[in-house]
Amino acid sequence: DPITAFNRIFTGQRIRRVDNGAIIVMRMPVEKSQEYAKKQGDTKDLFVDHIISLQLGGSNSDSNLRLVPRAIWESATPVENYLGGLLRSDKISKKKAQKFIKDFKNGLITFEAIKEQTKE
């Protein structure tokens, strides 16, 4: 998608690769992450989370970031990695992967249900 690519480049994000239509950008520098967290009222118990993870085509923009407790941040990692693997192997679309991770993070679907719906 040329519009998304232009947006990522225009906003200073470095593109790593493209996976099944998802533009994967480099993680933001630690300093930028810390700046975002501080601006949001960070405490040592909160972590910067990409709502749509970078491996699923998410961006480093403020609209895709939030602060979450460690347990929530850690619970999403296996789901993001699972969906990222499916996306890289062309077994799921970018749109579907992004919907699954949003629904998971909003408590609308479990990891087990995602695995059930994506098994071959």
Protein backbone atom coordinates (compact mmCIF):
# COMPACT_ATOMS: atom_id res chain seq x y z
CA ASP A 1 0.00 0.00 0.00
CA PRO A 2 1.84 3.12 -1.22
CA ILE A 3 -0.10 5.49 1.04
CA THR A 4 0.92 3.62 4.19
CA ALA A 5 4.51 3.39 2.96
CA PHE A 6 4.56 7.14 2.29
CA ASN A 7 3.12 7.80 5.76
CA ARG A 8 5.74 5.64 7.46
CA ILE A 9 8.58 7.31 5.57
CA PHE A 10 7.13 10.83 5.98
CA THR A 11 6.82 10.35 9.75
CA GLY A 12 10.46 9.26 9.98
CA GLN A 13 9.84 5.56 10.51
CA ARG A 14 12.27 3.15 8.88
CA ILE A 15 10.73 0.30 6.94
CA ARG A 16 12.27 -3.12 7.69
CA ARG A 17 10.30 -5.28 5.28
CA VAL A 18 6.85 -6.05 3.89
CA ASP A 19 5.03 -9.18 5.05
CA ASN A 20 1.91 -10.19 3.13
CA GLY A 21 0.94 -6.54 2.57
CA ALA A 22 1.89 -5.33 6.06
CA ILE A 23 4.63 -2.70 6.17
CA ILE A 24 6.90 -3.59 9.06
CA VAL A 25 8.82 -0.67 10.56
CA MET A 26 11.76 -0.53 12.93
CA ARG A 27 11.03 -0.11 16.63
CA MET A 28 11.28 3.46 17.86
CA PRO A 29 14.42 4.49 19.72
CA VAL A 30 14.33 3.89 23.49
CA GLU A 31 14.53 7.65 24.09
CA LYS A 32 11.33 8.24 22.10
CA SER A 33 9.56 5.45 23.96
CA GLN A 34 10.63 6.92 27.30
CA GLU A 35 9.53 10.39 26.17
CA TYR A 36 6.09 9.04 25.22
CA ALA A 37 5.77 7.21 28.56
CA LYS A 38 6.76 10.28 30.54
CA LYS A 39 4.29 12.44 28.63
CA GLN A 40 1.53 9.92 29.44
CA GLY A 41 2.30 9.91 33.17
CA ASP A 42 4.37 6.74 33.22
CA THR A 43 5.20 4.92 36.38
CA LYS A 44 7.80 2.18 36.67
CA ASP A 45 4.97 -0.38 36.61
CA LEU A 46 3.69 0.56 33.13
CA PHE A 47 5.06 -0.38 29.72
CA VAL A 48 4.65 1.24 26.31
CA ASP A 49 2.52 -1.10 24.20
CA HIS A 50 1.86 -0.90 20.47
CA ILE A 51 -1.89 -1.47 20.08
CA ILE A 52 -1.17 -3.08 16.71
CA SER A 53 2.30 -4.53 17.10
CA LEU A 54 4.99 -3.60 14.60
CA GLN A 55 5.19 -7.17 13.30
CA LEU A 56 1.50 -6.90 12.33
CA GLY A 57 1.98 -3.65 10.43
CA GLY A 58 1.45 -1.22 13.32
CA SER A 59 3.29 2.08 13.56
CA ASN A 60 5.22 4.02 16.17
CA SER A 61 2.69 6.86 16.09
CA ASP A 62 1.18 8.10 19.35
CA SER A 63 -2.25 6.90 18.17
CA ASN A 64 -0.92 3.31 18.16
CA LEU A 65 0.69 3.49 21.60
CA ARG A 66 -0.64 3.10 25.12
CA LEU A 67 0.68 2.42 28.60
CA VAL A 68 -0.24 -0.93 30.16
CA PRO A 69 0.76 -2.94 33.22
CA ARG A 70 3.50 -5.53 32.72
CA ALA A 71 1.08 -8.49 32.95
CA ILE A 72 -1.08 -7.16 30.11
CA TRP A 73 1.99 -6.30 28.02
CA GLU A 74 3.41 -9.80 28.54
CA SER A 75 0.10 -11.56 27.83
CA ALA A 76 -0.10 -10.01 24.36
CA THR A 77 3.41 -11.02 23.28
CA PRO A 78 2.64 -14.70 22.51
CA VAL A 79 -0.49 -13.69 20.57
CA GLU A 80 1.44 -11.07 18.56
CA ASN A 81 4.20 -13.59 17.81
CA TYR A 82 1.67 -16.23 16.75
CA LEU A 83 -0.17 -13.82 14.45
CA GLY A 84 3.12 -12.45 13.13
CA GLY A 85 4.19 -15.97 12.15
CA LEU A 86 0.92 -16.52 10.30
CA LEU A 87 1.26 -13.18 8.53
CA ARG A 88 4.88 -13.85 7.47
CA SER A 89 3.91 -17.24 6.07
CA ASP A 90 0.92 -15.80 4.16
CA LYS A 91 -1.57 -17.84 6.21
CA ILE A 92 -3.49 -14.77 7.39
CA SER A 93 -4.14 -11.31 5.96
CA LYS A 94 -2.88 -8.11 7.54
CA LYS A 95 -6.47 -7.00 8.10
CA LYS A 96 -7.41 -10.23 9.88
CA ALA A 97 -4.23 -10.25 12.02
CA GLN A 98 -4.82 -6.64 13.07
CA LYS A 99 -8.47 -7.35 13.93
CA PHE A 100 -7.48 -10.37 16.03
CA ILE A 101 -4.89 -8.44 18.04
CA LYS A 102 -7.24 -5.49 18.63
CA ASP A 103 -10.02 -7.85 19.72
CA PHE A 104 -7.61 -9.75 22.00
CA LYS A 105 -6.35 -6.57 23.63
CA ASN A 106 -9.92 -5.36 24.11
CA GLY A 107 -10.91 -8.64 25.79
CA LEU A 108 -13.25 -9.69 22.98
CA ILE A 109 -11.44 -12.93 22.05
CA THR A 110 -9.04 -15.34 23.74
CA PHE A 111 -5.75 -16.63 22.40
CA GLU A 112 -7.28 -20.11 22.29
CA ALA A 113 -10.16 -18.84 20.12
CA ILE A 114 -7.69 -17.13 17.78
CA LYS A 115 -5.74 -20.38 17.41
CA GLU A 116 -8.95 -22.30 16.78
CA GLN A 117 -10.08 -19.84 14.09
CA THR A 118 -6.70 -19.84 12.34
CA LYS A 119 -5.83 -23.53 12.32
CA GLU A 120 -5.71 -25.22 8.97
